[in-house]
Amino acid sequence: MTSCLITIEVILQDSALELERVIEAELQKQGEPIHWAVTEVDCQRQRVLVGALLWLKPELS
């Protein structure tokens, strides 16, 4: 397996638990999350930037 550092953008959610669920779901589309962190919140655009380290899915590596 190959690891990769990526950045994704998701829509800001009403609760921290819902935001975590949305982030995890988006990351699962790319691979298996090892570690992730919110790196920026844009309240005006209602967007959150997330930096993540993933194990890539074999078909994506």
C-alpha atoms as a PDB file:
ATOM      1  CA  MET A   1       0.000   0.000   0.000  1.00  0.00           C
ATOM      2  CA  THR A   2       1.031   3.578  -0.609  1.00  0.00           C
ATOM      3  CA  SER A   3       0.479   6.487   1.752  1.00  0.00           C
ATOM      4  CA  CYS A   4      -0.382   9.970   0.551  1.00  0.00           C
ATOM      5  CA  LEU A   5      -0.961  13.423   2.041  1.00  0.00           C
ATOM      6  CA  ILE A   6      -4.093  15.106   0.654  1.00  0.00           C
ATOM      7  CA  THR A   7      -6.253  18.156   1.270  1.00  0.00           C
ATOM      8  CA  ILE A   8     -10.040  18.074   0.925  1.00  0.00           C
ATOM      9  CA  GLU A   9     -12.755  20.682   1.313  1.00  0.00           C
ATOM     10  CA  VAL A  10     -16.122  19.878   2.880  1.00  0.00           C
ATOM     11  CA  ILE A  11     -19.206  21.891   3.787  1.00  0.00           C
ATOM     12  CA  LEU A  12     -19.292  23.175   7.364  1.00  0.00           C
ATOM     13  CA  GLN A  13     -21.858  21.205   9.382  1.00  0.00           C
ATOM     14  CA  ASP A  14     -24.125  22.217  12.276  1.00  0.00           C
ATOM     15  CA  SER A  15     -22.392  19.946  14.802  1.00  0.00           C
ATOM     16  CA  ALA A  16     -18.889  18.635  15.396  1.00  0.00           C
ATOM     17  CA  LEU A  17     -20.117  15.027  15.226  1.00  0.00           C
ATOM     18  CA  GLU A  18     -21.783  15.580  11.855  1.00  0.00           C
ATOM     19  CA  LEU A  19     -18.662  17.347  10.553  1.00  0.00           C
ATOM     20  CA  GLU A  20     -16.507  14.403  11.640  1.00  0.00           C
ATOM     21  CA  ARG A  21     -18.878  11.967   9.883  1.00  0.00           C
ATOM     22  CA  VAL A  22     -18.769  13.986   6.640  1.00  0.00           C
ATOM     23  CA  ILE A  23     -14.967  14.268   6.749  1.00  0.00           C
ATOM     24  CA  GLU A  24     -14.517  10.538   7.394  1.00  0.00           C
ATOM     25  CA  ALA A  25     -16.912   9.652   4.554  1.00  0.00           C
ATOM     26  CA  GLU A  26     -15.063  11.913   2.090  1.00  0.00           C
ATOM     27  CA  LEU A  27     -11.687  10.512   3.114  1.00  0.00           C
ATOM     28  CA  GLN A  28     -12.925   6.924   2.746  1.00  0.00           C
ATOM     29  CA  LYS A  29     -13.594   7.676  -0.932  1.00  0.00           C
ATOM     30  CA  GLN A  30      -9.836   8.250  -1.383  1.00  0.00           C
ATOM     31  CA  GLY A  31      -8.389   5.566   0.877  1.00  0.00           C
ATOM     32  CA  GLU A  32      -8.002   4.559   4.520  1.00  0.00           C
ATOM     33  CA  PRO A  33      -7.414   7.561   6.824  1.00  0.00           C
ATOM     34  CA  ILE A  34      -4.354   7.286   9.065  1.00  0.00           C
ATOM     35  CA  HIS A  35      -4.570  10.797  10.486  1.00  0.00           C
ATOM     36  CA  TRP A  36      -6.472  13.949   9.601  1.00  0.00           C
ATOM     37  CA  ALA A  37      -6.886  17.478  10.950  1.00  0.00           C
ATOM     38  CA  VAL A  38      -8.992  20.532  10.178  1.00  0.00           C
ATOM     39  CA  THR A  39      -6.519  23.100   8.851  1.00  0.00           C
ATOM     40  CA  GLU A  40      -8.833  25.993   8.005  1.00  0.00           C
ATOM     41  CA  VAL A  41     -12.437  27.070   8.541  1.00  0.00           C
ATOM     42  CA  ASP A  42     -13.991  29.603   6.168  1.00  0.00           C
ATOM     43  CA  CYS A  43     -17.173  30.735   7.941  1.00  0.00           C
ATOM     44  CA  GLN A  44     -18.113  33.104   5.125  1.00  0.00           C
ATOM     45  CA  ARG A  45     -18.087  30.318   2.505  1.00  0.00           C
ATOM     46  CA  GLN A  46     -19.227  27.672   5.045  1.00  0.00           C
ATOM     47  CA  ARG A  47     -16.290  25.421   4.078  1.00  0.00           C
ATOM     48  CA  VAL A  48     -13.697  23.448   6.047  1.00  0.00           C
ATOM     49  CA  LEU A  49     -10.260  22.442   4.735  1.00  0.00           C
ATOM     50  CA  VAL A  50      -8.867  19.152   5.996  1.00  0.00           C
ATOM     51  CA  GLY A  51      -5.327  17.810   5.639  1.00  0.00           C
ATOM     52  CA  ALA A  52      -5.098  14.026   5.808  1.00  0.00           C
ATOM     53  CA  LEU A  53      -2.620  11.186   5.601  1.00  0.00           C
ATOM     54  CA  LEU A  54      -4.158   8.144   3.887  1.00  0.00           C
ATOM     55  CA  TRP A  55      -3.368   4.653   2.816  1.00  0.00           C
ATOM     56  CA  LEU A  56      -4.411   4.777  -0.846  1.00  0.00           C
ATOM     57  CA  LYS A  57      -6.803   2.254  -2.281  1.00  0.00           C
ATOM     58  CA  PRO A  58      -4.898  -0.075  -4.659  1.00  0.00           C
ATOM     59  CA  GLU A  59      -6.822   1.120  -7.731  1.00  0.00           C
ATOM     60  CA  LEU A  60      -5.819   4.763  -6.944  1.00  0.00           C
ATOM     61  CA  SER A  61      -2.106   4.215  -6.268  1.00  0.00           C
END
